């Protein structure tokens, strides 16, 4: 039998990964290898490469496909890329839709690896390349900044409880205060590192300045979103982006008897949602177009949080659009310059996915 393409599907966890080889013939038929488990380290990567030699068909295109699950996929993706292998890293929302299209209800590592390998031979995917060091460093710094803030909040809560408790030793109060002061210093240093890194890349700095023309959006917000998406490298639509961030809408309706609440999935990048929470609150008050949207949405909704989340999603869409068009935000650009002579965007023109 002649084959057109073959793919190694890899389902990755913290300590191990599962692999399966799928081959697609010229007549469209697919065949699968046995499923194997390996340790998620260099020894496991080398064992994988030795194993697939016995499973592959010579002179047929070979690709590797895996999901972007946290950070666990990064080591093997870099290893395979270094060996000049064709690597595809699929966004979780795209694999989810593919699984649904096949009506797959069983979820195990073996099943996931098998379906991922089939996904690789049946669809076209963009080849993965390691992100630039700048984006990788920014992601490390922005995530650490969030983690430091979370530690400070936890210590502040402890401080509040101890200060209002009866007869707490001075050692505990002083120790807690010193820890908070130390974290404050680390937060300031981390923020300085982020600012210096952005300033060192002239092109990135200029493009970020254009996005900062949006009222309510600050440097850390923009940098976090760019770092988490690696400059929107793997995104081709706003719908894809909002799903990746967990802003995609879930509806539970069936006939006349089932009518659940509509909500966002939250099955996405939590750092993006955290970064947009406070900017959306500011935009609801001071950004004219977004304030109008916020007011209109909340007129028919039982909770103001629904409008707030909608503005978060709208801000994300706006940031993505400005970045892709390398444009600045002008609140009412039609009154400032003719639309034909200036490439600018109005947030009211950016529709929610």
C-alpha atoms as a PDB file:
ATOM      1  CA  UNK A   1       0.000   0.000   0.000  1.00  0.00           C
ATOM      2  CA  UNK A   2       1.283   3.467  -0.885  1.00  0.00           C
ATOM      3  CA  UNK A   3       1.145   6.130   1.783  1.00  0.00           C
ATOM      4  CA  UNK A   4       0.714   9.882   1.518  1.00  0.00           C
ATOM      5  CA  UNK A   5       1.604  11.070   5.026  1.00  0.00           C
ATOM      6  CA  UNK A   6       2.405   9.795   8.514  1.00  0.00           C
ATOM      7  CA  UNK A   7       2.181  11.506  11.866  1.00  0.00           C
ATOM      8  CA  UNK A   8       3.364  10.738  15.381  1.00  0.00           C
ATOM      9  CA  UNK A   9       0.662  11.920  17.798  1.00  0.00           C
ATOM     10  CA  UNK A  10       1.984  12.737  21.260  1.00  0.00           C
ATOM     11  CA  UNK A  11      -0.153  13.175  24.380  1.00  0.00           C
ATOM     12  CA  UNK A  12       1.985  14.766  27.105  1.00  0.00           C
ATOM     13  CA  UNK A  13       1.739  14.947  30.885  1.00  0.00           C
ATOM     14  CA  UNK A  14       4.160  16.125  33.548  1.00  0.00           C
ATOM     15  CA  UNK A  15       6.221  12.934  33.863  1.00  0.00           C
ATOM     16  CA  UNK A  16       5.329  10.826  30.823  1.00  0.00           C
ATOM     17  CA  UNK A  17       4.023  11.030  27.285  1.00  0.00           C
ATOM     18  CA  UNK A  18       2.117   8.621  25.058  1.00  0.00           C
ATOM     19  CA  UNK A  19       2.809   8.228  21.333  1.00  0.00           C
ATOM     20  CA  UNK A  20       1.063   6.645  18.367  1.00  0.00           C
ATOM     21  CA  UNK A  21       1.878   6.621  14.633  1.00  0.00           C
ATOM     22  CA  UNK A  22      -0.897   7.119  12.081  1.00  0.00           C
ATOM     23  CA  UNK A  23      -0.378   6.549   8.349  1.00  0.00           C
ATOM     24  CA  UNK A  24      -2.662   7.824   5.610  1.00  0.00           C
ATOM     25  CA  UNK A  25      -2.721   5.998   2.277  1.00  0.00           C
ATOM     26  CA  UNK A  26      -3.271   7.494  -1.160  1.00  0.00           C
ATOM     27  CA  UNK A  27      -6.860   6.191  -1.137  1.00  0.00           C
ATOM     28  CA  UNK A  28      -7.544   7.933   2.208  1.00  0.00           C
ATOM     29  CA  UNK A  29      -7.415   4.909   4.525  1.00  0.00           C
ATOM     30  CA  UNK A  30      -5.669   5.308   7.887  1.00  0.00           C
ATOM     31  CA  UNK A  31      -3.730   2.706   9.866  1.00  0.00           C
ATOM     32  CA  UNK A  32      -2.320   2.984  13.372  1.00  0.00           C
ATOM     33  CA  UNK A  33       0.646   1.578  15.231  1.00  0.00           C
ATOM     34  CA  UNK A  34       0.531   0.254  18.769  1.00  0.00           C
ATOM     35  CA  UNK A  35       0.535   2.950  21.469  1.00  0.00           C
ATOM     36  CA  UNK A  36       3.693   3.361  23.570  1.00  0.00           C
ATOM     37  CA  UNK A  37       4.484   5.231  26.778  1.00  0.00           C
ATOM     38  CA  UNK A  38       7.746   7.067  27.465  1.00  0.00           C
ATOM     39  CA  UNK A  39       9.310   9.163  30.214  1.00  0.00           C
ATOM     40  CA  UNK A  40       9.056  12.920  29.592  1.00  0.00           C
ATOM     41  CA  UNK A  41      12.822  13.493  29.509  1.00  0.00           C
ATOM     42  CA  UNK A  42      15.699  13.217  27.018  1.00  0.00           C
ATOM     43  CA  UNK A  43      15.999   9.473  27.556  1.00  0.00           C
ATOM     44  CA  UNK A  44      12.316   9.110  26.665  1.00  0.00           C
ATOM     45  CA  UNK A  45      12.727  11.328  23.590  1.00  0.00           C
ATOM     46  CA  UNK A  46      15.586   9.166  22.298  1.00  0.00           C
ATOM     47  CA  UNK A  47      13.599   5.977  22.989  1.00  0.00           C
ATOM     48  CA  UNK A  48      10.703   7.474  20.988  1.00  0.00           C
ATOM     49  CA  UNK A  49      12.924   8.150  17.989  1.00  0.00           C
ATOM     50  CA  UNK A  50      14.364   4.623  18.096  1.00  0.00           C
ATOM     51  CA  UNK A  51      10.885   3.098  18.368  1.00  0.00           C
ATOM     52  CA  UNK A  52       9.329   4.991  15.462  1.00  0.00           C
ATOM     53  CA  UNK A  53      12.119   3.854  13.110  1.00  0.00           C
ATOM     54  CA  UNK A  54      10.494   0.417  13.128  1.00  0.00           C
ATOM     55  CA  UNK A  55       7.015   1.884  12.634  1.00  0.00           C
ATOM     56  CA  UNK A  56       7.616   4.391   9.835  1.00  0.00           C
ATOM     57  CA  UNK A  57       7.324   3.939   6.097  1.00  0.00           C
ATOM     58  CA  UNK A  58      10.416   5.188   4.284  1.00  0.00           C
ATOM     59  CA  UNK A  59      10.257   8.149   1.887  1.00  0.00           C
ATOM     60  CA  UNK A  60       6.875   9.291   3.227  1.00  0.00           C
ATOM     61  CA  UNK A  61       6.349  12.709   4.834  1.00  0.00           C
ATOM     62  CA  UNK A  62       6.634  12.542   8.630  1.00  0.00           C
ATOM     63  CA  UNK A  63       5.304  15.075  11.137  1.00  0.00           C
ATOM     64  CA  UNK A  64       4.927  15.191  14.927  1.00  0.00           C
ATOM     65  CA  UNK A  65       1.794  16.674  16.498  1.00  0.00           C
ATOM     66  CA  UNK A  66       1.089  17.540  20.130  1.00  0.00           C
ATOM     67  CA  UNK A  67      -1.187  19.814  22.136  1.00  0.00           C
ATOM     68  CA  UNK A  68      -0.050  23.071  23.769  1.00  0.00           C
ATOM     69  CA  UNK A  69      -0.745  21.742  27.273  1.00  0.00           C
ATOM     70  CA  UNK A  70       0.803  24.133  29.778  1.00  0.00           C
ATOM     71  CA  UNK A  71       4.602  24.013  29.582  1.00  0.00           C
ATOM     72  CA  UNK A  72       4.994  20.217  29.476  1.00  0.00           C
ATOM     73  CA  UNK A  73       5.172  20.021  25.683  1.00  0.00           C
ATOM     74  CA  UNK A  74       7.981  22.565  25.327  1.00  0.00           C
ATOM     75  CA  UNK A  75      10.971  20.330  26.071  1.00  0.00           C
ATOM     76  CA  UNK A  76      10.088  17.622  23.544  1.00  0.00           C
ATOM     77  CA  UNK A  77       9.035  20.205  20.934  1.00  0.00           C
ATOM     78  CA  UNK A  78      12.424  21.947  21.230  1.00  0.00           C
ATOM     79  CA  UNK A  79      14.234  18.584  21.124  1.00  0.00           C
ATOM     80  CA  UNK A  80      12.486  17.499  17.910  1.00  0.00           C
ATOM     81  CA  UNK A  81      12.922  20.929  16.307  1.00  0.00           C
ATOM     82  CA  UNK A  82      16.673  20.797  17.046  1.00  0.00           C
ATOM     83  CA  UNK A  83      16.787  17.468  15.179  1.00  0.00           C
ATOM     84  CA  UNK A  84      15.119  19.204  12.197  1.00  0.00           C
ATOM     85  CA  UNK A  85      11.841  17.310  12.543  1.00  0.00           C
ATOM     86  CA  UNK A  86       8.559  18.876  11.427  1.00  0.00           C
ATOM     87  CA  UNK A  87       6.647  19.711  14.594  1.00  0.00           C
ATOM     88  CA  UNK A  88       3.030  20.868  14.902  1.00  0.00           C
ATOM     89  CA  UNK A  89       1.692  22.271  18.187  1.00  0.00           C
ATOM     90  CA  UNK A  90      -2.105  22.465  18.124  1.00  0.00           C
ATOM     91  CA  UNK A  91      -4.123  24.790  20.325  1.00  0.00           C
ATOM     92  CA  UNK A  92      -6.360  22.909  22.794  1.00  0.00           C
ATOM     93  CA  UNK A  93      -9.555  24.391  21.355  1.00  0.00           C
ATOM     94  CA  UNK A  94      -8.756  23.111  17.835  1.00  0.00           C
ATOM     95  CA  UNK A  95      -8.078  19.568  19.068  1.00  0.00           C
ATOM     96  CA  UNK A  96     -11.237  19.704  21.176  1.00  0.00           C
ATOM     97  CA  UNK A  97     -13.359  20.488  18.103  1.00  0.00           C
ATOM     98  CA  UNK A  98     -11.651  17.706  16.133  1.00  0.00           C
ATOM     99  CA  UNK A  99     -12.320  15.184  18.910  1.00  0.00           C
ATOM    100  CA  UNK A 100     -15.965  16.300  18.992  1.00  0.00           C
ATOM    101  CA  UNK A 101     -16.302  15.877  15.224  1.00  0.00           C
ATOM    102  CA  UNK A 102     -15.300  12.212  15.611  1.00  0.00           C
ATOM    103  CA  UNK A 103     -17.762  11.747  18.496  1.00  0.00           C
ATOM    104  CA  UNK A 104     -14.968  10.523  20.770  1.00  0.00           C
ATOM    105  CA  UNK A 105     -16.368  10.052  24.284  1.00  0.00           C
ATOM    106  CA  UNK A 106     -13.559   8.027  25.861  1.00  0.00           C
ATOM    107  CA  UNK A 107     -10.637  10.065  27.180  1.00  0.00           C
ATOM    108  CA  UNK A 108      -7.421   8.230  27.992  1.00  0.00           C
ATOM    109  CA  UNK A 109      -3.792   8.942  27.141  1.00  0.00           C
ATOM    110  CA  UNK A 110      -3.812   6.141  24.557  1.00  0.00           C
ATOM    111  CA  UNK A 111      -6.993   7.405  22.864  1.00  0.00           C
ATOM    112  CA  UNK A 112      -5.718  11.002  22.864  1.00  0.00           C
ATOM    113  CA  UNK A 113      -2.393  10.011  21.256  1.00  0.00           C
ATOM    114  CA  UNK A 114      -4.207   7.973  18.605  1.00  0.00           C
ATOM    115  CA  UNK A 115      -6.616  10.766  17.688  1.00  0.00           C
ATOM    116  CA  UNK A 116      -3.842  13.384  17.681  1.00  0.00           C
ATOM    117  CA  UNK A 117      -1.885  11.274  15.192  1.00  0.00           C
ATOM    118  CA  UNK A 118      -4.998  11.046  12.995  1.00  0.00           C
ATOM    119  CA  UNK A 119      -5.495  14.815  13.315  1.00  0.00           C
ATOM    120  CA  UNK A 120      -1.949  15.270  12.008  1.00  0.00           C
ATOM    121  CA  UNK A 121      -2.507  13.320   8.794  1.00  0.00           C
ATOM    122  CA  UNK A 122      -6.012  14.549   8.027  1.00  0.00           C
ATOM    123  CA  UNK A 123      -5.512  18.291   8.508  1.00  0.00           C
ATOM    124  CA  UNK A 124      -2.954  20.871   7.470  1.00  0.00           C
ATOM    125  CA  UNK A 125      -1.095  22.516  10.351  1.00  0.00           C
ATOM    126  CA  UNK A 126       1.379  25.331  10.673  1.00  0.00           C
ATOM    127  CA  UNK A 127       4.915  24.193  11.435  1.00  0.00           C
ATOM    128  CA  UNK A 128       5.997  25.055  14.962  1.00  0.00           C
ATOM    129  CA  UNK A 129       9.108  27.095  15.660  1.00  0.00           C
ATOM    130  CA  UNK A 130      10.527  28.019  19.079  1.00  0.00           C
ATOM    131  CA  UNK A 131       9.323  31.449  20.226  1.00  0.00           C
ATOM    132  CA  UNK A 132      11.836  34.276  20.321  1.00  0.00           C
ATOM    133  CA  UNK A 133      13.859  34.601  23.503  1.00  0.00           C
ATOM    134  CA  UNK A 134      12.273  37.992  24.146  1.00  0.00           C
ATOM    135  CA  UNK A 135       8.741  36.548  24.307  1.00  0.00           C
ATOM    136  CA  UNK A 136       9.914  33.577  26.353  1.00  0.00           C
ATOM    137  CA  UNK A 137      11.672  35.842  28.854  1.00  0.00           C
ATOM    138  CA  UNK A 138       8.620  38.116  29.015  1.00  0.00           C
ATOM    139  CA  UNK A 139       6.344  35.169  29.725  1.00  0.00           C
ATOM    140  CA  UNK A 140       8.605  33.991  32.555  1.00  0.00           C
ATOM    141  CA  UNK A 141       8.733  37.486  34.056  1.00  0.00           C
ATOM    142  CA  UNK A 142       5.006  38.270  33.745  1.00  0.00           C
ATOM    143  CA  UNK A 143       3.998  34.924  35.229  1.00  0.00           C
ATOM    144  CA  UNK A 144       6.442  35.413  38.094  1.00  0.00           C
ATOM    145  CA  UNK A 145       5.007  38.909  38.642  1.00  0.00           C
ATOM    146  CA  UNK A 146       1.516  37.400  39.020  1.00  0.00           C
ATOM    147  CA  UNK A 147       2.823  34.718  41.383  1.00  0.00           C
ATOM    148  CA  UNK A 148       4.533  37.350  43.548  1.00  0.00           C
ATOM    149  CA  UNK A 149       1.297  39.335  43.703  1.00  0.00           C
ATOM    150  CA  UNK A 150      -0.581  36.211  44.797  1.00  0.00           C
ATOM    151  CA  UNK A 151       1.973  35.571  47.556  1.00  0.00           C
ATOM    152  CA  UNK A 152       1.647  39.163  48.753  1.00  0.00           C
ATOM    153  CA  UNK A 153      -2.148  38.837  48.870  1.00  0.00           C
ATOM    154  CA  UNK A 154      -1.871  35.642  50.926  1.00  0.00           C
ATOM    155  CA  UNK A 155       0.552  37.269  53.375  1.00  0.00           C
ATOM    156  CA  UNK A 156      -1.623  40.380  53.626  1.00  0.00           C
ATOM    157  CA  UNK A 157      -4.583  38.181  54.562  1.00  0.00           C
ATOM    158  CA  UNK A 158      -2.456  36.524  57.247  1.00  0.00           C
ATOM    159  CA  UNK A 159      -1.400  39.939  58.528  1.00  0.00           C
ATOM    160  CA  UNK A 160      -5.029  41.057  58.769  1.00  0.00           C
ATOM    161  CA  UNK A 161      -6.068  37.948  60.691  1.00  0.00           C
ATOM    162  CA  UNK A 162      -3.123  38.118  63.110  1.00  0.00           C
ATOM    163  CA  UNK A 163      -3.602  41.824  63.798  1.00  0.00           C
ATOM    164  CA  UNK A 164      -7.223  41.210  64.785  1.00  0.00           C
ATOM    165  CA  UNK A 165      -6.548  38.048  66.811  1.00  0.00           C
ATOM    166  CA  UNK A 166      -6.032  38.110  70.577  1.00  0.00           C
ATOM    167  CA  UNK A 167      -2.512  38.221  72.005  1.00  0.00           C
ATOM    168  CA  UNK A 168      -0.411  37.281  68.956  1.00  0.00           C
ATOM    169  CA  UNK A 169       3.363  37.286  69.509  1.00  0.00           C
ATOM    170  CA  UNK A 170       5.354  40.201  68.100  1.00  0.00           C
ATOM    171  CA  UNK A 171       7.649  37.713  66.359  1.00  0.00           C
ATOM    172  CA  UNK A 172       4.792  36.571  64.103  1.00  0.00           C
ATOM    173  CA  UNK A 173       3.668  40.115  63.300  1.00  0.00           C
ATOM    174  CA  UNK A 174       7.219  41.330  62.565  1.00  0.00           C
ATOM    175  CA  UNK A 175       8.083  38.247  60.517  1.00  0.00           C
ATOM    176  CA  UNK A 176       4.962  38.644  58.400  1.00  0.00           C
ATOM    177  CA  UNK A 177       5.670  42.340  57.835  1.00  0.00           C
ATOM    178  CA  UNK A 178       9.259  41.596  56.734  1.00  0.00           C
ATOM    179  CA  UNK A 179       8.054  38.985  54.260  1.00  0.00           C
ATOM    180  CA  UNK A 180       5.595  41.466  52.729  1.00  0.00           C
ATOM    181  CA  UNK A 181       8.328  44.107  52.429  1.00  0.00           C
ATOM    182  CA  UNK A 182      10.646  41.598  50.778  1.00  0.00           C
ATOM    183  CA  UNK A 183       7.996  40.564  48.238  1.00  0.00           C
ATOM    184  CA  UNK A 184       7.280  44.252  47.506  1.00  0.00           C
ATOM    185  CA  UNK A 185      10.960  44.668  46.581  1.00  0.00           C
ATOM    186  CA  UNK A 186      10.852  41.601  44.344  1.00  0.00           C
ATOM    187  CA  UNK A 187       7.668  42.845  42.632  1.00  0.00           C
ATOM    188  CA  UNK A 188       9.337  46.190  41.900  1.00  0.00           C
ATOM    189  CA  UNK A 189      12.458  44.483  40.551  1.00  0.00           C
ATOM    190  CA  UNK A 190      10.373  42.151  38.395  1.00  0.00           C
ATOM    191  CA  UNK A 191       8.442  45.098  36.940  1.00  0.00           C
ATOM    192  CA  UNK A 192      11.730  46.895  36.212  1.00  0.00           C
ATOM    193  CA  UNK A 193      13.053  43.789  34.417  1.00  0.00           C
ATOM    194  CA  UNK A 194       9.917  43.711  32.238  1.00  0.00           C
ATOM    195  CA  UNK A 195      10.216  47.394  31.337  1.00  0.00           C
ATOM    196  CA  UNK A 196      13.914  47.070  30.492  1.00  0.00           C
ATOM    197  CA  UNK A 197      13.311  44.001  28.319  1.00  0.00           C
ATOM    198  CA  UNK A 198      10.574  45.759  26.346  1.00  0.00           C
ATOM    199  CA  UNK A 199      12.724  48.877  25.926  1.00  0.00           C
ATOM    200  CA  UNK A 200      15.614  46.757  24.585  1.00  0.00           C
ATOM    201  CA  UNK A 201      13.523  45.631  21.583  1.00  0.00           C
ATOM    202  CA  UNK A 202      12.824  48.757  19.525  1.00  0.00           C
ATOM    203  CA  UNK A 203      10.202  47.220  17.200  1.00  0.00           C
ATOM    204  CA  UNK A 204       8.316  45.561  20.042  1.00  0.00           C
ATOM    205  CA  UNK A 205       8.433  48.738  22.100  1.00  0.00           C
ATOM    206  CA  UNK A 206       6.968  50.841  19.278  1.00  0.00           C
ATOM    207  CA  UNK A 207       4.124  48.400  18.627  1.00  0.00           C
ATOM    208  CA  UNK A 208       3.275  48.192  22.325  1.00  0.00           C
ATOM    209  CA  UNK A 209       3.132  52.005  22.517  1.00  0.00           C
ATOM    210  CA  UNK A 210       0.425  51.954  19.823  1.00  0.00           C
ATOM    211  CA  UNK A 211      -1.687  49.510  21.821  1.00  0.00           C
ATOM    212  CA  UNK A 212      -1.254  51.614  24.974  1.00  0.00           C
ATOM    213  CA  UNK A 213      -3.349  54.306  23.268  1.00  0.00           C
ATOM    214  CA  UNK A 214      -6.380  52.281  24.441  1.00  0.00           C
ATOM    215  CA  UNK A 215      -7.754  53.913  27.590  1.00  0.00           C
ATOM    216  CA  UNK A 216      -7.557  51.578  30.571  1.00  0.00           C
ATOM    217  CA  UNK A 217      -4.817  49.326  29.185  1.00  0.00           C
ATOM    218  CA  UNK A 218      -1.379  49.439  30.808  1.00  0.00           C
ATOM    219  CA  UNK A 219       2.045  48.066  29.928  1.00  0.00           C
ATOM    220  CA  UNK A 220       1.831  44.932  32.079  1.00  0.00           C
ATOM    221  CA  UNK A 221      -1.521  44.007  30.556  1.00  0.00           C
ATOM    222  CA  UNK A 222      -0.261  44.280  26.976  1.00  0.00           C
ATOM    223  CA  UNK A 223       3.037  42.539  27.710  1.00  0.00           C
ATOM    224  CA  UNK A 224       1.265  39.663  29.485  1.00  0.00           C
ATOM    225  CA  UNK A 225      -1.090  39.064  26.550  1.00  0.00           C
ATOM    226  CA  UNK A 226       1.731  39.225  24.008  1.00  0.00           C
ATOM    227  CA  UNK A 227       3.910  36.926  26.110  1.00  0.00           C
ATOM    228  CA  UNK A 228       1.150  34.347  26.614  1.00  0.00           C
ATOM    229  CA  UNK A 229       0.370  34.263  22.874  1.00  0.00           C
ATOM    230  CA  UNK A 230       3.968  34.797  21.669  1.00  0.00           C
ATOM    231  CA  UNK A 231       2.850  37.833  19.719  1.00  0.00           C
ATOM    232  CA  UNK A 232      -0.337  36.081  18.474  1.00  0.00           C
ATOM    233  CA  UNK A 233       1.895  33.842  16.367  1.00  0.00           C
ATOM    234  CA  UNK A 234      -0.449  30.853  16.131  1.00  0.00           C
ATOM    235  CA  UNK A 235      -3.718  32.796  15.945  1.00  0.00           C
ATOM    236  CA  UNK A 236      -5.514  33.604  12.729  1.00  0.00           C
ATOM    237  CA  UNK A 237      -8.831  34.881  14.114  1.00  0.00           C
ATOM    238  CA  UNK A 238     -10.367  36.623  17.114  1.00  0.00           C
ATOM    239  CA  UNK A 239     -12.588  33.589  17.686  1.00  0.00           C
ATOM    240  CA  UNK A 240      -9.520  31.376  18.082  1.00  0.00           C
ATOM    241  CA  UNK A 241      -7.959  33.826  20.517  1.00  0.00           C
ATOM    242  CA  UNK A 242     -11.016  34.240  22.731  1.00  0.00           C
ATOM    243  CA  UNK A 243     -11.400  30.465  22.951  1.00  0.00           C
ATOM    244  CA  UNK A 244      -7.729  30.104  23.918  1.00  0.00           C
ATOM    245  CA  UNK A 245      -8.242  32.659  26.702  1.00  0.00           C
ATOM    246  CA  UNK A 246     -11.385  30.900  27.973  1.00  0.00           C
ATOM    247  CA  UNK A 247     -13.810  33.630  26.900  1.00  0.00           C
ATOM    248  CA  UNK A 248     -15.780  31.361  24.555  1.00  0.00           C
ATOM    249  CA  UNK A 249     -19.468  31.213  25.460  1.00  0.00           C
ATOM    250  CA  UNK A 250     -21.144  28.008  26.640  1.00  0.00           C
ATOM    251  CA  UNK A 251     -24.913  27.646  26.288  1.00  0.00           C
ATOM    252  CA  UNK A 252     -27.049  24.920  27.901  1.00  0.00           C
ATOM    253  CA  UNK A 253     -30.377  24.752  26.107  1.00  0.00           C
ATOM    254  CA  UNK A 254     -32.368  21.780  24.908  1.00  0.00           C
ATOM    255  CA  UNK A 255     -36.041  21.901  23.950  1.00  0.00           C
ATOM    256  CA  UNK A 256     -38.284  23.662  26.448  1.00  0.00           C
ATOM    257  CA  UNK A 257     -37.226  21.869  29.632  1.00  0.00           C
ATOM    258  CA  UNK A 258     -33.501  22.678  29.790  1.00  0.00           C
ATOM    259  CA  UNK A 259     -32.391  26.277  29.826  1.00  0.00           C
ATOM    260  CA  UNK A 260     -29.164  26.710  31.806  1.00  0.00           C
ATOM    261  CA  UNK A 261     -27.187  29.878  32.373  1.00  0.00           C
ATOM    262  CA  UNK A 262     -24.980  31.122  29.551  1.00  0.00           C
ATOM    263  CA  UNK A 263     -21.400  31.561  30.725  1.00  0.00           C
ATOM    264  CA  UNK A 264     -17.821  31.635  29.503  1.00  0.00           C
ATOM    265  CA  UNK A 265     -15.925  28.347  29.557  1.00  0.00           C
ATOM    266  CA  UNK A 266     -12.856  29.548  31.542  1.00  0.00           C
ATOM    267  CA  UNK A 267     -11.065  26.592  29.910  1.00  0.00           C
ATOM    268  CA  UNK A 268      -8.180  28.655  28.697  1.00  0.00           C
ATOM    269  CA  UNK A 269      -5.226  30.808  29.629  1.00  0.00           C
ATOM    270  CA  UNK A 270      -5.870  32.175  33.123  1.00  0.00           C
ATOM    271  CA  UNK A 271      -3.012  34.710  32.882  1.00  0.00           C
ATOM    272  CA  UNK A 272      -4.752  36.526  30.034  1.00  0.00           C
ATOM    273  CA  UNK A 273      -8.020  36.729  31.971  1.00  0.00           C
ATOM    274  CA  UNK A 274      -6.222  37.963  35.094  1.00  0.00           C
ATOM    275  CA  UNK A 275      -4.410  40.624  33.061  1.00  0.00           C
ATOM    276  CA  UNK A 276      -7.676  41.984  31.632  1.00  0.00           C
ATOM    277  CA  UNK A 277      -9.745  42.083  34.831  1.00  0.00           C
ATOM    278  CA  UNK A 278      -8.752  45.527  36.177  1.00  0.00           C
ATOM    279  CA  UNK A 279      -8.228  47.192  32.745  1.00  0.00           C
ATOM    280  CA  UNK A 280     -11.820  46.270  31.881  1.00  0.00           C
ATOM    281  CA  UNK A 281     -13.052  47.949  35.080  1.00  0.00           C
ATOM    282  CA  UNK A 282     -11.195  51.132  34.151  1.00  0.00           C
ATOM    283  CA  UNK A 283     -12.368  50.993  30.528  1.00  0.00           C
ATOM    284  CA  UNK A 284     -15.996  50.669  31.658  1.00  0.00           C
ATOM    285  CA  UNK A 285     -15.665  54.088  33.308  1.00  0.00           C
ATOM    286  CA  UNK A 286     -13.313  56.094  31.088  1.00  0.00           C
ATOM    287  CA  UNK A 287     -13.359  54.596  27.577  1.00  0.00           C
ATOM    288  CA  UNK A 288     -16.361  56.182  25.829  1.00  0.00           C
ATOM    289  CA  UNK A 289     -17.107  53.396  23.345  1.00  0.00           C
ATOM    290  CA  UNK A 290     -16.548  50.555  25.793  1.00  0.00           C
ATOM    291  CA  UNK A 291     -18.571  52.342  28.472  1.00  0.00           C
ATOM    292  CA  UNK A 292     -21.495  52.532  26.057  1.00  0.00           C
ATOM    293  CA  UNK A 293     -21.169  48.808  25.319  1.00  0.00           C
ATOM    294  CA  UNK A 294     -20.978  48.019  29.028  1.00  0.00           C
ATOM    295  CA  UNK A 295     -24.124  50.036  29.769  1.00  0.00           C
ATOM    296  CA  UNK A 296     -26.043  48.506  26.853  1.00  0.00           C
ATOM    297  CA  UNK A 297     -25.135  44.928  27.827  1.00  0.00           C
ATOM    298  CA  UNK A 298     -26.057  45.359  31.483  1.00  0.00           C
ATOM    299  CA  UNK A 299     -29.505  46.791  30.675  1.00  0.00           C
ATOM    300  CA  UNK A 300     -30.808  43.271  30.059  1.00  0.00           C
ATOM    301  CA  UNK A 301     -28.504  41.247  32.322  1.00  0.00           C
ATOM    302  CA  UNK A 302     -29.011  40.319  35.988  1.00  0.00           C
ATOM    303  CA  UNK A 303     -25.357  40.834  36.974  1.00  0.00           C
ATOM    304  CA  UNK A 304     -22.911  43.627  36.139  1.00  0.00           C
ATOM    305  CA  UNK A 305     -20.160  41.016  35.953  1.00  0.00           C
ATOM    306  CA  UNK A 306     -21.598  39.854  32.619  1.00  0.00           C
ATOM    307  CA  UNK A 307     -20.925  43.269  31.111  1.00  0.00           C
ATOM    308  CA  UNK A 308     -17.506  43.383  32.745  1.00  0.00           C
ATOM    309  CA  UNK A 309     -16.503  40.045  31.211  1.00  0.00           C
ATOM    310  CA  UNK A 310     -17.831  41.197  27.827  1.00  0.00           C
ATOM    311  CA  UNK A 311     -15.554  44.247  28.026  1.00  0.00           C
ATOM    312  CA  UNK A 312     -12.590  42.016  28.902  1.00  0.00           C
ATOM    313  CA  UNK A 313     -13.267  40.021  25.761  1.00  0.00           C
ATOM    314  CA  UNK A 314     -13.731  43.167  23.720  1.00  0.00           C
ATOM    315  CA  UNK A 315     -10.426  44.572  24.981  1.00  0.00           C
ATOM    316  CA  UNK A 316      -8.651  41.344  24.027  1.00  0.00           C
ATOM    317  CA  UNK A 317     -10.193  41.520  20.545  1.00  0.00           C
ATOM    318  CA  UNK A 318      -9.148  45.148  20.221  1.00  0.00           C
ATOM    319  CA  UNK A 319      -5.559  44.482  21.297  1.00  0.00           C
ATOM    320  CA  UNK A 320      -5.341  41.625  18.786  1.00  0.00           C
ATOM    321  CA  UNK A 321      -6.747  43.783  15.963  1.00  0.00           C
ATOM    322  CA  UNK A 322      -4.430  46.714  16.648  1.00  0.00           C
ATOM    323  CA  UNK A 323      -1.427  44.391  16.829  1.00  0.00           C
ATOM    324  CA  UNK A 324      -2.251  42.624  13.565  1.00  0.00           C
ATOM    325  CA  UNK A 325      -2.809  45.958  11.784  1.00  0.00           C
ATOM    326  CA  UNK A 326       0.089  47.744  13.519  1.00  0.00           C
ATOM    327  CA  UNK A 327      -2.360  50.574  14.240  1.00  0.00           C
ATOM    328  CA  UNK A 328      -3.124  53.017  17.032  1.00  0.00           C
ATOM    329  CA  UNK A 329      -6.448  53.424  18.804  1.00  0.00           C
ATOM    330  CA  UNK A 330      -8.307  56.709  18.310  1.00  0.00           C
ATOM    331  CA  UNK A 331     -11.519  56.939  20.265  1.00  0.00           C
ATOM    332  CA  UNK A 332     -13.496  58.710  17.561  1.00  0.00           C
ATOM    333  CA  UNK A 333     -11.191  58.642  14.573  1.00  0.00           C
ATOM    334  CA  UNK A 334     -13.850  59.761  12.069  1.00  0.00           C
ATOM    335  CA  UNK A 335     -13.952  63.188  13.709  1.00  0.00           C
ATOM    336  CA  UNK A 336     -10.173  63.490  13.843  1.00  0.00           C
ATOM    337  CA  UNK A 337      -8.917  62.355  10.431  1.00  0.00           C
ATOM    338  CA  UNK A 338     -10.517  61.076   7.214  1.00  0.00           C
ATOM    339  CA  UNK A 339     -10.800  57.286   7.315  1.00  0.00           C
ATOM    340  CA  UNK A 340      -9.013  56.950   3.941  1.00  0.00           C
ATOM    341  CA  UNK A 341      -5.799  58.623   5.076  1.00  0.00           C
ATOM    342  CA  UNK A 342      -5.262  56.960   8.436  1.00  0.00           C
ATOM    343  CA  UNK A 343      -5.206  53.271   9.351  1.00  0.00           C
ATOM    344  CA  UNK A 344      -6.892  53.399  12.715  1.00  0.00           C
ATOM    345  CA  UNK A 345      -9.491  51.351  14.488  1.00  0.00           C
ATOM    346  CA  UNK A 346     -12.504  52.170  16.599  1.00  0.00           C
ATOM    347  CA  UNK A 347     -13.358  49.698  19.338  1.00  0.00           C
ATOM    348  CA  UNK A 348     -17.024  49.920  18.354  1.00  0.00           C
ATOM    349  CA  UNK A 349     -16.083  48.301  15.023  1.00  0.00           C
ATOM    350  CA  UNK A 350     -14.556  45.242  16.711  1.00  0.00           C
ATOM    351  CA  UNK A 351     -17.334  42.726  17.211  1.00  0.00           C
ATOM    352  CA  UNK A 352     -17.333  40.189  20.011  1.00  0.00           C
ATOM    353  CA  UNK A 353     -16.719  36.672  18.708  1.00  0.00           C
END
